[in-house]
């Protein structure tokens, strides 16, 4: 259900000038991350494309610089499935950018076969949630130092069916691909909302918002081979799917705590607006329990 909307639809033309802003986008080598990085670079921002494989991301890096006509674009290695890589990236980013204006927690994986991260976590909860949880915490001092800064976390409409299995968060006793994905996407939302509450309680100017791309044609969205040829016709393009992320990252009127996605049929398509997420995603006690578990699993405690 749409909570509010504007007479004028929000699209790429709505992005304000971003000159002088330092923006980190995880998973910026493809899909909505690539499109969001390119669009914000086109508005003058300094962009850090945080990607797992530097060699495979080189072409995307070149395209962002060329198509945005902006050479203030950097490519840095970040593997969210390896907490040591997260710490190494964060250390380099803190040194290079004393002020981080926008962090876009975009990278993610969807319904892979069962596997574990370097640190032993189930791949989806480890990559989609825990890696970003640690990254945000490690960068928080530099983010809070930037006036008007924000953290944007990409979730999914799959969160509506999500539940946090605290007794088996790593799916050791039974693995369902979609169930684990839904869990990780609900975790993204619980984290985003709880982060915003904590920022407000500490009277920080920084805000936290959640976004989702609807049903978008990206590499993360796998379809049966016989449907691949018509995928582009039935799914939104990556450029349009990136609009909620861009709205969350750049819309000046946002106050924090918003959930932004396509306003069309069942949040699956259309132009972005502020929407309603599941009742479970607003459960403060659930969020607190997940926050404490995430701190334990990552061996990191937020300063806020």
Protein backbone atom coordinates (compact mmCIF):
# COMPACT_ATOMS: atom_id res chain seq x y z
CA UNK A 1 0.00 0.00 0.00
CA UNK A 2 1.33 3.44 -0.91
CA UNK A 3 1.55 5.76 2.08
CA UNK A 4 2.19 8.88 0.10
CA UNK A 5 2.84 9.87 -3.48
CA UNK A 6 3.62 12.90 -5.54
CA UNK A 7 1.77 14.30 -8.51
CA UNK A 8 5.09 14.40 -10.32
CA UNK A 9 6.63 10.97 -10.69
CA UNK A 10 10.14 10.52 -9.36
CA UNK A 11 12.69 9.59 -12.02
CA UNK A 12 16.33 10.19 -12.86
CA UNK A 13 15.61 13.83 -13.66
CA UNK A 14 14.70 14.30 -9.99
CA UNK A 15 18.27 13.65 -8.81
CA UNK A 16 19.77 16.89 -7.44
CA UNK A 17 23.31 18.09 -8.06
CA UNK A 18 25.71 15.86 -6.14
CA UNK A 19 28.96 17.72 -6.71
CA UNK A 20 31.26 17.30 -3.74
CA UNK A 21 29.40 14.30 -2.30
CA UNK A 22 31.28 11.06 -1.59
CA UNK A 23 29.17 7.98 -2.28
CA UNK A 24 29.97 4.29 -1.80
CA UNK A 25 27.87 1.73 -3.72
CA UNK A 26 28.42 -1.95 -2.98
CA UNK A 27 27.96 -4.33 -5.90
CA UNK A 28 28.19 -1.47 -8.38
CA UNK A 29 29.51 -3.62 -11.22
CA UNK A 30 26.10 -4.76 -12.49
CA UNK A 31 22.34 -4.36 -12.25
CA UNK A 32 20.82 -1.63 -10.12
CA UNK A 33 24.11 -0.94 -8.38
CA UNK A 34 25.76 -0.14 -11.70
CA UNK A 35 22.85 2.03 -12.84
CA UNK A 36 22.70 3.89 -9.53
CA UNK A 37 26.45 4.52 -9.51
CA UNK A 38 26.35 5.80 -13.10
CA UNK A 39 23.39 8.09 -12.46
CA UNK A 40 24.91 9.64 -9.34
CA UNK A 41 28.30 10.03 -11.04
CA UNK A 42 26.41 11.85 -13.79
CA UNK A 43 25.27 14.39 -11.18
CA UNK A 44 28.86 15.12 -10.16
CA UNK A 45 29.37 12.82 -7.16
CA UNK A 46 32.59 11.07 -6.30
CA UNK A 47 31.67 7.39 -6.56
CA UNK A 48 33.35 4.38 -5.01
CA UNK A 49 32.34 1.19 -6.78
CA UNK A 50 32.85 -1.45 -4.09
CA UNK A 51 33.03 -4.79 -5.90
CA UNK A 52 34.13 -8.32 -5.09
CA UNK A 53 36.12 -9.03 -8.27
CA UNK A 54 38.21 -6.11 -9.51
CA UNK A 55 39.13 -7.74 -12.82
CA UNK A 56 35.54 -8.62 -13.73
CA UNK A 57 34.38 -5.14 -12.68
CA UNK A 58 36.86 -3.25 -14.87
CA UNK A 59 34.50 -2.91 -17.83
CA UNK A 60 31.69 -1.60 -15.60
CA UNK A 61 34.12 0.87 -14.03
CA UNK A 62 35.14 2.18 -17.45
CA UNK A 63 31.50 2.49 -18.54
CA UNK A 64 30.50 4.47 -15.45
CA UNK A 65 33.34 6.94 -16.00
CA UNK A 66 32.71 7.26 -19.72
CA UNK A 67 28.91 7.42 -19.71
CA UNK A 68 28.74 9.79 -16.73
CA UNK A 69 31.54 12.01 -18.09
CA UNK A 70 32.99 11.97 -14.61
CA UNK A 71 36.50 10.79 -13.75
CA UNK A 72 35.85 10.97 -9.98
CA UNK A 73 35.01 7.29 -9.89
CA UNK A 74 37.06 4.70 -8.01
CA UNK A 75 36.98 0.92 -8.03
CA UNK A 76 37.79 -0.79 -4.73
CA UNK A 77 37.68 -4.43 -3.71
CA UNK A 78 35.02 -5.51 -1.22
CA UNK A 79 33.95 -9.10 -0.59
CA UNK A 80 30.97 -9.03 1.77
CA UNK A 81 31.26 -12.78 2.28
CA UNK A 82 34.62 -12.25 3.98
CA UNK A 83 34.61 -10.05 7.09
CA UNK A 84 38.37 -9.51 6.84
CA UNK A 85 37.78 -8.02 3.37
CA UNK A 86 35.05 -5.79 4.83
CA UNK A 87 37.45 -4.54 7.49
CA UNK A 88 40.23 -3.95 4.95
CA UNK A 89 37.92 -2.03 2.62
CA UNK A 90 36.49 0.05 5.46
CA UNK A 91 39.96 0.97 6.67
CA UNK A 92 40.98 2.19 3.21
CA UNK A 93 37.68 4.05 2.69
CA UNK A 94 37.91 5.81 6.07
CA UNK A 95 41.40 7.03 5.23
CA UNK A 96 40.49 8.20 1.71
CA UNK A 97 37.17 9.78 2.62
CA UNK A 98 36.94 11.50 6.02
CA UNK A 99 33.39 12.41 5.00
CA UNK A 100 31.15 9.71 3.51
CA UNK A 101 27.89 11.30 2.42
CA UNK A 102 26.00 8.25 1.17
CA UNK A 103 26.51 4.54 1.69
CA UNK A 104 24.39 2.33 -0.56
CA UNK A 105 24.25 -1.23 0.78
CA UNK A 106 23.25 -2.76 -2.54
CA UNK A 107 25.24 -5.93 -3.19
CA UNK A 108 23.55 -9.24 -2.62
CA UNK A 109 23.02 -12.82 -3.71
CA UNK A 110 19.76 -14.66 -4.29
CA UNK A 111 18.83 -18.35 -3.81
CA UNK A 112 22.25 -19.99 -4.39
CA UNK A 113 22.90 -23.62 -3.48
CA UNK A 114 23.79 -24.00 0.17
CA UNK A 115 27.16 -22.55 0.98
CA UNK A 116 29.05 -20.69 3.66
CA UNK A 117 30.99 -17.45 3.81
CA UNK A 118 34.67 -17.37 4.75
CA UNK A 119 33.55 -16.85 8.36
CA UNK A 120 31.17 -19.82 8.32
CA UNK A 121 27.83 -18.04 7.87
CA UNK A 122 25.14 -19.23 5.47
CA UNK A 123 25.88 -17.33 2.25
CA UNK A 124 22.72 -15.23 2.02
CA UNK A 125 22.49 -14.03 5.62
CA UNK A 126 26.25 -13.58 5.64
CA UNK A 127 26.52 -11.59 2.42
CA UNK A 128 23.22 -9.73 2.29
CA UNK A 129 22.99 -8.77 5.96
CA UNK A 130 26.06 -9.42 8.13
CA UNK A 131 28.60 -8.06 5.64
CA UNK A 132 26.64 -4.83 5.28
CA UNK A 133 25.99 -4.63 9.03
CA UNK A 134 29.73 -4.67 9.70
CA UNK A 135 30.54 -2.34 6.81
CA UNK A 136 28.03 0.26 7.99
CA UNK A 137 29.32 0.10 11.53
CA UNK A 138 32.95 0.46 10.50
CA UNK A 139 32.15 3.49 8.32
CA UNK A 140 29.67 5.10 10.72
CA UNK A 141 32.05 7.68 12.18
CA UNK A 142 32.83 9.05 8.72
CA UNK A 143 29.17 8.91 7.68
CA UNK A 144 27.91 10.77 10.74
CA UNK A 145 30.63 13.40 10.20
CA UNK A 146 29.14 14.32 6.79
CA UNK A 147 26.28 16.85 6.90
CA UNK A 148 23.03 15.43 5.51
CA UNK A 149 24.46 11.94 5.17
CA UNK A 150 22.46 8.74 4.82
CA UNK A 151 22.65 4.96 4.68
CA UNK A 152 20.55 3.26 1.99
CA UNK A 153 19.93 -0.46 2.36
CA UNK A 154 18.48 -2.49 -0.50
CA UNK A 155 15.88 -5.06 0.55
CA UNK A 156 13.23 -6.96 -1.45
CA UNK A 157 9.49 -7.54 -1.56
CA UNK A 158 10.49 -11.10 -0.63
CA UNK A 159 10.81 -9.81 2.94
CA UNK A 160 7.02 -10.08 3.28
CA UNK A 161 7.41 -13.84 3.65
CA UNK A 162 10.55 -13.61 5.74
CA UNK A 163 11.17 -14.83 9.28
CA UNK A 164 14.34 -14.71 11.34
CA UNK A 165 15.20 -18.22 12.51
CA UNK A 166 17.23 -17.35 15.59
CA UNK A 167 17.60 -21.02 16.51
CA UNK A 168 19.19 -21.82 13.13
CA UNK A 169 20.09 -18.57 11.43
CA UNK A 170 22.77 -20.34 9.34
CA UNK A 171 20.30 -22.97 8.05
CA UNK A 172 22.39 -25.83 9.41
CA UNK A 173 19.47 -28.15 10.15
CA UNK A 174 17.67 -27.51 6.87
CA UNK A 175 18.20 -25.17 3.93
CA UNK A 176 15.49 -23.67 1.78
CA UNK A 177 16.94 -21.28 -0.78
CA UNK A 178 14.02 -18.87 -0.88
CA UNK A 179 13.43 -19.10 2.85
CA UNK A 180 17.03 -18.09 3.53
CA UNK A 181 16.76 -15.27 1.00
CA UNK A 182 13.57 -13.96 2.60
CA UNK A 183 15.23 -14.11 6.00
CA UNK A 184 18.17 -12.03 4.74
CA UNK A 185 15.89 -9.43 3.16
CA UNK A 186 13.80 -9.09 6.32
CA UNK A 187 17.09 -8.68 8.19
CA UNK A 188 17.99 -5.81 5.84
CA UNK A 189 14.77 -4.00 6.74
CA UNK A 190 15.01 -4.65 10.48
CA UNK A 191 18.57 -3.31 10.38
CA UNK A 192 17.65 -0.22 8.36
CA UNK A 193 14.78 0.75 10.66
CA UNK A 194 16.73 0.06 13.86
CA UNK A 195 19.71 2.05 12.57
CA UNK A 196 17.45 5.03 11.89
CA UNK A 197 15.89 4.80 15.35
CA UNK A 198 19.33 4.77 16.98
CA UNK A 199 20.51 7.72 14.91
CA UNK A 200 17.43 9.71 15.95
CA UNK A 201 17.84 8.73 19.61
CA UNK A 202 21.40 10.09 19.48
CA UNK A 203 20.10 13.23 17.68
CA UNK A 204 22.29 12.61 14.65
CA UNK A 205 21.55 14.29 11.33
CA UNK A 206 22.34 11.09 9.43
CA UNK A 207 19.32 9.09 8.30
CA UNK A 208 18.76 5.46 7.29
CA UNK A 209 16.30 4.42 4.59
CA UNK A 210 15.37 1.11 2.95
CA UNK A 211 14.62 0.59 -0.72
CA UNK A 212 13.70 -2.26 -3.03
CA UNK A 213 13.76 -2.56 -6.84
CA UNK A 214 10.55 -4.50 -7.42
CA UNK A 215 10.81 -7.20 -10.06
CA UNK A 216 13.79 -6.08 -12.10
CA UNK A 217 15.89 -7.68 -14.82
CA UNK A 218 19.29 -8.10 -13.16
CA UNK A 219 21.87 -10.85 -12.87
CA UNK A 220 20.56 -11.71 -9.40
CA UNK A 221 17.11 -12.54 -10.77
CA UNK A 222 17.40 -16.00 -12.30
CA UNK A 223 14.71 -17.43 -14.57
CA UNK A 224 14.24 -20.76 -16.35
CA UNK A 225 16.25 -20.87 -19.57
CA UNK A 226 13.12 -20.96 -21.71
CA UNK A 227 12.04 -17.62 -20.18
CA UNK A 228 15.36 -15.85 -20.45
CA UNK A 229 14.60 -14.67 -24.00
CA UNK A 230 11.52 -12.76 -22.83
CA UNK A 231 12.93 -11.59 -19.50
CA UNK A 232 13.42 -8.02 -20.64
CA UNK A 233 9.81 -7.84 -21.82
CA UNK A 234 8.24 -8.94 -18.53
CA UNK A 235 10.61 -7.38 -16.00
CA UNK A 236 11.59 -3.77 -15.38
CA UNK A 237 14.95 -2.68 -16.73
CA UNK A 238 17.86 -2.28 -14.34
CA UNK A 239 17.79 1.48 -14.97
CA UNK A 240 14.16 1.74 -13.86
CA UNK A 241 14.72 -0.73 -11.04
CA UNK A 242 17.49 1.55 -9.74
CA UNK A 243 15.09 4.48 -9.27
CA UNK A 244 14.04 3.51 -5.71
CA UNK A 245 17.73 3.34 -4.76
CA UNK A 246 18.37 6.72 -6.34
CA UNK A 247 15.35 8.23 -4.61
CA UNK A 248 16.47 6.81 -1.28
CA UNK A 249 20.00 8.12 -1.81
CA UNK A 250 19.25 11.60 -3.10
CA UNK A 251 15.68 12.79 -2.41
CA UNK A 252 16.11 15.83 -0.10
CA UNK A 253 12.68 15.54 1.55
CA UNK A 254 13.32 12.16 3.20
CA UNK A 255 13.39 12.17 7.01
CA UNK A 256 14.69 8.66 7.67
CA UNK A 257 12.96 5.37 8.29
CA UNK A 258 11.30 5.28 4.88
CA UNK A 259 10.75 2.18 2.74
CA UNK A 260 10.81 3.06 -0.96
CA UNK A 261 9.91 0.90 -3.93
CA UNK A 262 7.89 0.74 -7.14
CA UNK A 263 4.34 1.99 -6.55
CA UNK A 264 2.72 -0.27 -9.16
CA UNK A 265 1.09 -3.68 -8.89
CA UNK A 266 2.05 -5.30 -5.57
CA UNK A 267 5.21 -3.19 -5.40
CA UNK A 268 6.57 -5.10 -8.38
CA UNK A 269 6.83 -2.34 -10.97
CA UNK A 270 6.39 1.35 -11.63
CA UNK A 271 7.98 4.56 -10.44
CA UNK A 272 9.18 4.83 -6.84
CA UNK A 273 7.20 6.09 -3.86
CA UNK A 274 7.20 5.67 -0.09
CA UNK A 275 5.47 2.37 0.66
CA UNK A 276 4.47 0.16 3.59
CA UNK A 277 6.60 -2.85 4.56
CA UNK A 278 5.47 -5.88 6.56
CA UNK A 279 4.30 -5.60 10.15
CA UNK A 280 7.13 -7.92 11.16
CA UNK A 281 9.72 -5.51 9.77
CA UNK A 282 8.57 -2.88 12.30
CA UNK A 283 8.88 -5.17 15.34
CA UNK A 284 11.36 -3.35 17.61
CA UNK A 285 11.98 -6.35 19.84
CA UNK A 286 12.76 -8.49 16.80
CA UNK A 287 15.10 -5.78 15.51
CA UNK A 288 16.90 -5.52 18.85
CA UNK A 289 17.37 -9.28 19.04
CA UNK A 290 18.76 -9.38 15.48
CA UNK A 291 21.02 -6.38 16.19
CA UNK A 292 22.51 -8.07 19.26
CA UNK A 293 23.01 -11.34 17.37
CA UNK A 294 24.61 -9.48 14.43
CA UNK A 295 27.06 -7.76 16.80
CA UNK A 296 27.94 -11.13 18.28
CA UNK A 297 28.38 -12.83 14.89
CA UNK A 298 30.54 -10.03 13.44
CA UNK A 299 32.43 -9.33 16.70
CA UNK A 300 31.62 -5.65 16.27
CA UNK A 301 29.63 -3.26 18.43
CA UNK A 302 28.17 -0.09 16.95
CA UNK A 303 29.11 3.18 18.63
CA UNK A 304 25.48 4.39 18.40
